[in-house]
Amino acid sequence: MSHDENCRRLLDSLSGYVDGELSDELCVEIDRHLSTCENCCIVVDTLKKTIYLYHVTSASPEIPSEVRERLYQCLDLKNFMSKQQKT
């Protein structure tokens, strides 16, 4: 199998590889390819970092109610604030 074919096969299996869903044999084969292919290594590393950053930044920060009330007052959102308190 040519190097380009290995790269294409890696890209086809990339999600399963990163998620740890592939067979051990296929993971060994992909690891072997990554040890010799800098471009594919960069793609895998970038995907892993993207997933990590998504998980780290996707949680909504909890805003204390006092801060929220002050913000609404500063923005003159009194009507909005009273609607929020009803829900």
PDB file of N, CA and C in Angstrom:
ATOM      1  N   MET A   1       0.849  -1.174   0.000  1.00  0.00           N
ATOM      2  CA  MET A   1       0.000   0.000   0.000  1.00  0.00           C
ATOM      3  C   MET A   1       0.897   1.240   0.000  1.00  0.00           C
ATOM      4  N   SER A   2       0.567   2.221  -0.842  1.00  0.00           N
ATOM      5  CA  SER A   2       1.389   3.422  -0.951  1.00  0.00           C
ATOM      6  C   SER A   2       1.183   4.323   0.268  1.00  0.00           C
ATOM      7  N   HIS A   3       2.098   5.264   0.416  1.00  0.00           N
ATOM      8  CA  HIS A   3       2.016   6.209   1.534  1.00  0.00           C
ATOM      9  C   HIS A   3       0.717   7.017   1.474  1.00  0.00           C
ATOM     10  N   ASP A   4       0.351   7.490   0.279  1.00  0.00           N
ATOM     11  CA  ASP A   4      -0.888   8.261   0.118  1.00  0.00           C
ATOM     12  C   ASP A   4      -2.113   7.431   0.482  1.00  0.00           C
ATOM     13  N   GLU A   5      -2.101   6.148   0.135  1.00  0.00           N
ATOM     14  CA  GLU A   5      -3.220   5.275   0.490  1.00  0.00           C
ATOM     15  C   GLU A   5      -3.303   5.105   2.004  1.00  0.00           C
ATOM     16  N   ASN A   6      -2.151   4.994   2.660  1.00  0.00           N
ATOM     17  CA  ASN A   6      -2.133   4.905   4.125  1.00  0.00           C
ATOM     18  C   ASN A   6      -2.701   6.173   4.749  1.00  0.00           C
ATOM     19  N   CYS A   7      -2.354   7.321   4.186  1.00  0.00           N
ATOM     20  CA  CYS A   7      -2.870   8.598   4.692  1.00  0.00           C
ATOM     21  C   CYS A   7      -4.390   8.646   4.543  1.00  0.00           C
ATOM     22  N   ARG A   8      -4.894   8.247   3.403  1.00  0.00           N
ATOM     23  CA  ARG A   8      -6.335   8.253   3.170  1.00  0.00           C
ATOM     24  C   ARG A   8      -7.042   7.295   4.134  1.00  0.00           C
ATOM     25  N   ARG A   9      -6.448   6.140   4.342  1.00  0.00           N
ATOM     26  CA  ARG A   9      -7.037   5.164   5.262  1.00  0.00           C
ATOM     27  C   ARG A   9      -7.050   5.731   6.686  1.00  0.00           C
ATOM     28  N   LEU A  10      -5.986   6.409   7.052  1.00  0.00           N
ATOM     29  CA  LEU A  10      -5.940   7.031   8.377  1.00  0.00           C
ATOM     30  C   LEU A  10      -7.059   8.055   8.514  1.00  0.00           C
ATOM     31  N   LEU A  11      -7.216   8.898   7.515  1.00  0.00           N
ATOM     32  CA  LEU A  11      -8.252   9.932   7.579  1.00  0.00           C
ATOM     33  C   LEU A  11      -9.641   9.316   7.666  1.00  0.00           C
ATOM     34  N   ASP A  12      -9.848   8.187   6.987  1.00  0.00           N
ATOM     35  CA  ASP A  12     -11.134   7.498   7.047  1.00  0.00           C
ATOM     36  C   ASP A  12     -11.408   6.943   8.445  1.00  0.00           C
ATOM     37  N   SER A  13     -10.340   6.595   9.161  1.00  0.00           N
ATOM     38  CA  SER A  13     -10.475   5.981  10.486  1.00  0.00           C
ATOM     39  C   SER A  13     -10.168   6.944  11.617  1.00  0.00           C
ATOM     40  N   LEU A  14      -9.952   8.193  11.298  1.00  0.00           N
ATOM     41  CA  LEU A  14      -9.452   9.161  12.275  1.00  0.00           C
ATOM     42  C   LEU A  14     -10.363   9.311  13.492  1.00  0.00           C
ATOM     43  N   SER A  15     -11.650   9.456  13.271  1.00  0.00           N
ATOM     44  CA  SER A  15     -12.574   9.644  14.387  1.00  0.00           C
ATOM     45  C   SER A  15     -12.545   8.438  15.322  1.00  0.00           C
ATOM     46  N   GLY A  16     -12.631   7.260  14.760  1.00  0.00           N
ATOM     47  CA  GLY A  16     -12.583   6.040  15.573  1.00  0.00           C
ATOM     48  C   GLY A  16     -11.267   5.889  16.305  1.00  0.00           C
ATOM     49  N   TYR A  17     -10.175   6.300  15.661  1.00  0.00           N
ATOM     50  CA  TYR A  17      -8.851   6.217  16.293  1.00  0.00           C
ATOM     51  C   TYR A  17      -8.776   7.147  17.501  1.00  0.00           C
ATOM     52  N   VAL A  18      -9.174   8.388  17.315  1.00  0.00           N
ATOM     53  CA  VAL A  18      -9.099   9.381  18.389  1.00  0.00           C
ATOM     54  C   VAL A  18     -10.052   9.007  19.535  1.00  0.00           C
ATOM     55  N   ASP A  19     -11.208   8.437  19.191  1.00  0.00           N
ATOM     56  CA  ASP A  19     -12.192   8.056  20.209  1.00  0.00           C
ATOM     57  C   ASP A  19     -11.872   6.709  20.863  1.00  0.00           C
ATOM     58  N   GLY A  20     -10.831   6.012  20.371  1.00  0.00           N
ATOM     59  CA  GLY A  20     -10.448   4.723  20.945  1.00  0.00           C
ATOM     60  C   GLY A  20     -11.416   3.604  20.615  1.00  0.00           C
ATOM     61  N   GLU A  21     -12.042   3.676  19.452  1.00  0.00           N
ATOM     62  CA  GLU A  21     -13.063   2.702  19.068  1.00  0.00           C
ATOM     63  C   GLU A  21     -12.571   1.659  18.070  1.00  0.00           C
ATOM     64  N   LEU A  22     -11.308   1.723  17.684  1.00  0.00           N
ATOM     65  CA  LEU A  22     -10.793   0.801  16.672  1.00  0.00           C
ATOM     66  C   LEU A  22     -10.157  -0.424  17.324  1.00  0.00           C
ATOM     67  N   SER A  23     -10.002  -1.459  16.526  1.00  0.00           N
ATOM     68  CA  SER A  23      -9.351  -2.671  17.015  1.00  0.00           C
ATOM     69  C   SER A  23      -7.883  -2.370  17.334  1.00  0.00           C
ATOM     70  N   ASP A  24      -7.320  -3.189  18.201  1.00  0.00           N
ATOM     71  CA  ASP A  24      -5.912  -3.010  18.569  1.00  0.00           C
ATOM     72  C   ASP A  24      -4.999  -3.115  17.353  1.00  0.00           C
ATOM     73  N   GLU A  25      -5.314  -4.041  16.442  1.00  0.00           N
ATOM     74  CA  GLU A  25      -4.481  -4.242  15.256  1.00  0.00           C
ATOM     75  C   GLU A  25      -4.468  -2.989  14.380  1.00  0.00           C
ATOM     76  N   LEU A  26      -5.648  -2.401  14.191  1.00  0.00           N
ATOM     77  CA  LEU A  26      -5.732  -1.204  13.365  1.00  0.00           C
ATOM     78  C   LEU A  26      -5.030  -0.031  14.048  1.00  0.00           C
ATOM     79  N   CYS A  27      -5.148   0.071  15.359  1.00  0.00           N
ATOM     80  CA  CYS A  27      -4.459   1.147  16.091  1.00  0.00           C
ATOM     81  C   CYS A  27      -2.944   1.015  15.961  1.00  0.00           C
ATOM     82  N   VAL A  28      -2.435  -0.213  16.031  1.00  0.00           N
ATOM     83  CA  VAL A  28      -0.993  -0.439  15.866  1.00  0.00           C
ATOM     84  C   VAL A  28      -0.559  -0.016  14.476  1.00  0.00           C
ATOM     85  N   GLU A  29      -1.360  -0.355  13.483  1.00  0.00           N
ATOM     86  CA  GLU A  29      -1.047   0.025  12.102  1.00  0.00           C
ATOM     87  C   GLU A  29      -1.051   1.554  11.949  1.00  0.00           C
ATOM     88  N   ILE A  30      -2.034   2.209  12.533  1.00  0.00           N
ATOM     89  CA  ILE A  30      -2.112   3.669  12.448  1.00  0.00           C
ATOM     90  C   ILE A  30      -0.956   4.302  13.205  1.00  0.00           C
ATOM     91  N   ASP A  31      -0.625   3.779  14.388  1.00  0.00           N
ATOM     92  CA  ASP A  31       0.517   4.292  15.157  1.00  0.00           C
ATOM     93  C   ASP A  31       1.810   4.176  14.361  1.00  0.00           C
ATOM     94  N   ARG A  32       1.964   3.061  13.669  1.00  0.00           N
ATOM     95  CA  ARG A  32       3.156   2.858  12.835  1.00  0.00           C
ATOM     96  C   ARG A  32       3.201   3.915  11.729  1.00  0.00           C
ATOM     97  N   HIS A  33       2.046   4.171  11.110  1.00  0.00           N
ATOM     98  CA  HIS A  33       1.985   5.188  10.057  1.00  0.00           C
ATOM     99  C   HIS A  33       2.306   6.571  10.626  1.00  0.00           C
ATOM    100  N   LEU A  34       1.740   6.882  11.787  1.00  0.00           N
ATOM    101  CA  LEU A  34       1.981   8.199  12.394  1.00  0.00           C
ATOM    102  C   LEU A  34       3.451   8.403  12.758  1.00  0.00           C
ATOM    103  N   SER A  35       4.157   7.329  13.050  1.00  0.00           N
ATOM    104  CA  SER A  35       5.571   7.459  13.410  1.00  0.00           C
ATOM    105  C   SER A  35       6.434   7.865  12.219  1.00  0.00           C
ATOM    106  N   THR A  36       5.891   7.710  11.014  1.00  0.00           N
ATOM    107  CA  THR A  36       6.674   8.063   9.826  1.00  0.00           C
ATOM    108  C   THR A  36       6.058   9.181   8.993  1.00  0.00           C
ATOM    109  N   CYS A  37       4.843   9.637   9.363  1.00  0.00           N
ATOM    110  CA  CYS A  37       4.165  10.638   8.542  1.00  0.00           C
ATOM    111  C   CYS A  37       3.879  11.883   9.379  1.00  0.00           C
ATOM    112  N   GLU A  38       4.673  12.893   9.189  1.00  0.00           N
ATOM    113  CA  GLU A  38       4.525  14.124   9.960  1.00  0.00           C
ATOM    114  C   GLU A  38       3.186  14.809   9.691  1.00  0.00           C
ATOM    115  N   ASN A  39       2.729  14.814   8.446  1.00  0.00           N
ATOM    116  CA  ASN A  39       1.469  15.478   8.111  1.00  0.00           C
ATOM    117  C   ASN A  39       0.281  14.840   8.830  1.00  0.00           C
ATOM    118  N   CYS A  40       0.212  13.520   8.816  1.00  0.00           N
ATOM    119  CA  CYS A  40      -0.886  12.838   9.503  1.00  0.00           C
ATOM    120  C   CYS A  40      -0.775  13.031  11.016  1.00  0.00           C
ATOM    121  N   CYS A  41       0.425  13.051  11.522  1.00  0.00           N
ATOM    122  CA  CYS A  41       0.642  13.283  12.945  1.00  0.00           C
ATOM    123  C   CYS A  41       0.098  14.661  13.350  1.00  0.00           C
ATOM    124  N   ILE A  42       0.324  15.648  12.511  1.00  0.00           N
ATOM    125  CA  ILE A  42      -0.179  17.003  12.769  1.00  0.00           C
ATOM    126  C   ILE A  42      -1.706  17.007  12.754  1.00  0.00           C
ATOM    127  N   VAL A  43      -2.308  16.300  11.801  1.00  0.00           N
ATOM    128  CA  VAL A  43      -3.770  16.236  11.701  1.00  0.00           C
ATOM    129  C   VAL A  43      -4.356  15.602  12.968  1.00  0.00           C
ATOM    130  N   VAL A  44      -3.784  14.484  13.415  1.00  0.00           N
ATOM    131  CA  VAL A  44      -4.277  13.799  14.611  1.00  0.00           C
ATOM    132  C   VAL A  44      -4.104  14.684  15.838  1.00  0.00           C
ATOM    133  N   ASP A  45      -2.945  15.310  15.964  1.00  0.00           N
ATOM    134  CA  ASP A  45      -2.676  16.181  17.104  1.00  0.00           C
ATOM    135  C   ASP A  45      -3.645  17.362  17.128  1.00  0.00           C
ATOM    136  N   THR A  46      -3.888  17.943  15.983  1.00  0.00           N
ATOM    137  CA  THR A  46      -4.812  19.075  15.890  1.00  0.00           C
ATOM    138  C   THR A  46      -6.226  18.660  16.269  1.00  0.00           C
ATOM    139  N   LEU A  47      -6.660  17.501  15.805  1.00  0.00           N
ATOM    140  CA  LEU A  47      -7.997  17.015  16.148  1.00  0.00           C
ATOM    141  C   LEU A  47      -8.113  16.774  17.648  1.00  0.00           C
ATOM    142  N   LYS A  48      -7.111  16.155  18.244  1.00  0.00           N
ATOM    143  CA  LYS A  48      -7.135  15.900  19.687  1.00  0.00           C
ATOM    144  C   LYS A  48      -7.194  17.211  20.468  1.00  0.00           C
ATOM    145  N   LYS A  49      -6.425  18.196  20.047  1.00  0.00           N
ATOM    146  CA  LYS A  49      -6.445  19.494  20.730  1.00  0.00           C
ATOM    147  C   LYS A  49      -7.787  20.189  20.554  1.00  0.00           C
ATOM    148  N   THR A  50      -8.378  20.085  19.379  1.00  0.00           N
ATOM    149  CA  THR A  50      -9.678  20.689  19.123  1.00  0.00           C
ATOM    150  C   THR A  50     -10.738  20.062  20.032  1.00  0.00           C
ATOM    151  N   ILE A  51     -10.734  18.760  20.151  1.00  0.00           N
ATOM    152  CA  ILE A  51     -11.685  18.066  21.019  1.00  0.00           C
ATOM    153  C   ILE A  51     -11.477  18.490  22.469  1.00  0.00           C
ATOM    154  N   TYR A  52     -10.223  18.554  22.899  1.00  0.00           N
ATOM    155  CA  TYR A  52      -9.913  18.980  24.264  1.00  0.00           C
ATOM    156  C   TYR A  52     -10.431  20.396  24.520  1.00  0.00           C
ATOM    157  N   LEU A  53     -10.143  21.313  23.615  1.00  0.00           N
ATOM    158  CA  LEU A  53     -10.585  22.698  23.793  1.00  0.00           C
ATOM    159  C   LEU A  53     -12.101  22.806  23.796  1.00  0.00           C
ATOM    160  N   TYR A  54     -12.761  22.007  22.996  1.00  0.00           N
ATOM    161  CA  TYR A  54     -14.223  22.009  22.999  1.00  0.00           C
ATOM    162  C   TYR A  54     -14.749  21.603  24.373  1.00  0.00           C
ATOM    163  N   HIS A  55     -14.189  20.537  24.924  1.00  0.00           N
ATOM    164  CA  HIS A  55     -14.649  20.067  26.226  1.00  0.00           C
ATOM    165  C   HIS A  55     -14.353  21.075  27.332  1.00  0.00           C
ATOM    166  N   VAL A  56     -13.210  21.720  27.263  1.00  0.00           N
ATOM    167  CA  VAL A  56     -12.824  22.681  28.301  1.00  0.00           C
ATOM    168  C   VAL A  56     -13.683  23.941  28.240  1.00  0.00           C
ATOM    169  N   THR A  57     -14.029  24.377  27.051  1.00  0.00           N
ATOM    170  CA  THR A  57     -14.730  25.659  26.905  1.00  0.00           C
ATOM    171  C   THR A  57     -16.233  25.520  26.716  1.00  0.00           C
ATOM    172  N   SER A  58     -16.752  24.315  26.587  1.00  0.00           N
ATOM    173  CA  SER A  58     -18.173  24.166  26.289  1.00  0.00           C
ATOM    174  C   SER A  58     -19.064  24.298  27.516  1.00  0.00           C
ATOM    175  N   ALA A  59     -18.518  24.137  28.693  1.00  0.00           N
ATOM    176  CA  ALA A  59     -19.337  24.272  29.898  1.00  0.00           C
ATOM    177  C   ALA A  59     -19.711  25.740  30.101  1.00  0.00           C
ATOM    178  N   SER A  60     -20.987  25.980  30.298  1.00  0.00           N
ATOM    179  CA  SER A  60     -21.456  27.348  30.524  1.00  0.00           C
ATOM    180  C   SER A  60     -21.065  27.782  31.931  1.00  0.00           C
ATOM    181  N   PRO A  61     -20.442  28.930  32.039  1.00  0.00           N
ATOM    182  CA  PRO A  61     -20.083  29.398  33.380  1.00  0.00           C
ATOM    183  C   PRO A  61     -21.333  29.804  34.152  1.00  0.00           C
ATOM    184  N   GLU A  62     -21.352  29.514  35.404  1.00  0.00           N
ATOM    185  CA  GLU A  62     -22.480  29.888  36.256  1.00  0.00           C
ATOM    186  C   GLU A  62     -22.260  31.307  36.759  1.00  0.00           C
ATOM    187  N   ILE A  63     -23.199  32.183  36.439  1.00  0.00           N
ATOM    188  CA  ILE A  63     -23.094  33.581  36.846  1.00  0.00           C
ATOM    189  C   ILE A  63     -23.891  33.757  38.135  1.00  0.00           C
ATOM    190  N   PRO A  64     -23.247  34.251  39.173  1.00  0.00           N
ATOM    191  CA  PRO A  64     -23.981  34.478  40.423  1.00  0.00           C
ATOM    192  C   PRO A  64     -25.154  35.428  40.201  1.00  0.00           C
ATOM    193  N   SER A  65     -26.262  35.190  40.907  1.00  0.00           N
ATOM    194  CA  SER A  65     -27.482  35.975  40.698  1.00  0.00           C
ATOM    195  C   SER A  65     -27.254  37.463  40.964  1.00  0.00           C
ATOM    196  N   GLU A  66     -26.396  37.803  41.945  1.00  0.00           N
ATOM    197  CA  GLU A  66     -26.132  39.226  42.225  1.00  0.00           C
ATOM    198  C   GLU A  66     -25.463  39.905  41.035  1.00  0.00           C
ATOM    199  N   VAL A  67     -24.544  39.201  40.411  1.00  0.00           N
ATOM    200  CA  VAL A  67     -23.836  39.749  39.245  1.00  0.00           C
ATOM    201  C   VAL A  67     -24.818  39.909  38.088  1.00  0.00           C
ATOM    202  N   ARG A  68     -25.664  38.909  37.887  1.00  0.00           N
ATOM    203  CA  ARG A  68     -26.652  38.975  36.809  1.00  0.00           C
ATOM    204  C   ARG A  68     -27.592  40.165  37.021  1.00  0.00           C
ATOM    205  N   GLU A  69     -28.054  40.366  38.247  1.00  0.00           N
ATOM    206  CA  GLU A  69     -28.960  41.482  38.537  1.00  0.00           C
ATOM    207  C   GLU A  69     -28.288  42.828  38.279  1.00  0.00           C
ATOM    208  N   ARG A  70     -27.039  42.972  38.704  1.00  0.00           N
ATOM    209  CA  ARG A  70     -26.312  44.229  38.453  1.00  0.00           C
ATOM    210  C   ARG A  70     -26.145  44.466  36.960  1.00  0.00           C
ATOM    211  N   LEU A  71     -25.838  43.416  36.233  1.00  0.00           N
ATOM    212  CA  LEU A  71     -25.678  43.534  34.786  1.00  0.00           C
ATOM    213  C   LEU A  71     -26.985  43.973  34.141  1.00  0.00           C
ATOM    214  N   TYR A  72     -28.081  43.342  34.496  1.00  0.00           N
ATOM    215  CA  TYR A  72     -29.382  43.724  33.952  1.00  0.00           C
ATOM    216  C   TYR A  72     -29.706  45.178  34.277  1.00  0.00           C
ATOM    217  N   GLN A  73     -29.384  45.612  35.496  1.00  0.00           N
ATOM    218  CA  GLN A  73     -29.645  47.003  35.878  1.00  0.00           C
ATOM    219  C   GLN A  73     -28.794  47.968  35.063  1.00  0.00           C
ATOM    220  N   CYS A  74     -27.526  47.626  34.887  1.00  0.00           N
ATOM    221  CA  CYS A  74     -26.639  48.488  34.088  1.00  0.00           C
ATOM    222  C   CYS A  74     -27.101  48.585  32.640  1.00  0.00           C
ATOM    223  N   LEU A  75     -27.639  47.508  32.146  1.00  0.00           N
ATOM    224  CA  LEU A  75     -28.105  47.478  30.755  1.00  0.00           C
ATOM    225  C   LEU A  75     -29.561  47.909  30.635  1.00  0.00           C
ATOM    226  N   ASP A  76     -30.142  48.304  31.755  1.00  0.00           N
ATOM    227  CA  ASP A  76     -31.538  48.734  31.803  1.00  0.00           C
ATOM    228  C   ASP A  76     -32.459  47.651  31.241  1.00  0.00           C
ATOM    229  N   LEU A  77     -32.284  46.439  31.759  1.00  0.00           N
ATOM    230  CA  LEU A  77     -33.089  45.300  31.327  1.00  0.00           C
ATOM    231  C   LEU A  77     -34.024  44.845  32.447  1.00  0.00           C
ATOM    232  N   LYS A  78     -34.638  45.789  33.105  1.00  0.00           N
ATOM    233  CA  LYS A  78     -35.495  45.462  34.241  1.00  0.00           C
ATOM    234  C   LYS A  78     -36.624  44.512  33.838  1.00  0.00           C
ATOM    235  N   ASN A  79     -37.229  44.749  32.687  1.00  0.00           N
ATOM    236  CA  ASN A  79     -38.311  43.873  32.235  1.00  0.00           C
ATOM    237  C   ASN A  79     -37.812  42.456  31.981  1.00  0.00           C
ATOM    238  N   PHE A  80     -36.650  42.360  31.395  1.00  0.00           N
ATOM    239  CA  PHE A  80     -36.070  41.045  31.120  1.00  0.00           C
ATOM    240  C   PHE A  80     -35.754  40.331  32.431  1.00  0.00           C
ATOM    241  N   MET A  81     -35.224  41.079  33.404  1.00  0.00           N
ATOM    242  CA  MET A  81     -34.848  40.509  34.679  1.00  0.00           C
ATOM    243  C   MET A  81     -36.079  39.940  35.385  1.00  0.00           C
ATOM    244  N   SER A  82     -37.179  40.642  35.365  1.00  0.00           N
ATOM    245  CA  SER A  82     -38.374  40.150  36.044  1.00  0.00           C
ATOM    246  C   SER A  82     -38.929  38.904  35.333  1.00  0.00           C
ATOM    247  N   LYS A  83     -38.807  38.837  34.025  1.00  0.00           N
ATOM    248  CA  LYS A  83     -39.239  37.631  33.279  1.00  0.00           C
ATOM    249  C   LYS A  83     -38.365  36.453  33.663  1.00  0.00           C
ATOM    250  N   GLN A  84     -37.056  36.662  33.816  1.00  0.00           N
ATOM    251  CA  GLN A  84     -36.135  35.595  34.170  1.00  0.00           C
ATOM    252  C   GLN A  84     -36.439  35.046  35.564  1.00  0.00           C
ATOM    253  N   GLN A  85     -36.834  35.903  36.471  1.00  0.00           N
ATOM    254  CA  GLN A  85     -37.110  35.471  37.826  1.00  0.00           C
ATOM    255  C   GLN A  85     -38.384  34.641  37.894  1.00  0.00           C
ATOM    256  N   LYS A  86     -39.301  34.834  36.955  1.00  0.00           N
ATOM    257  CA  LYS A  86     -40.557  34.067  36.926  1.00  0.00           C
ATOM    258  C   LYS A  86     -40.334  32.649  36.426  1.00  0.00           C
ATOM    259  N   THR A  87     -39.301  32.450  35.574  1.00  0.00           N
ATOM    260  CA  THR A  87     -39.066  31.128  35.001  1.00  0.00           C
ATOM    261  C   THR A  87     -38.214  30.269  35.865  1.00  0.00           C
TER     262      THR A  87
END
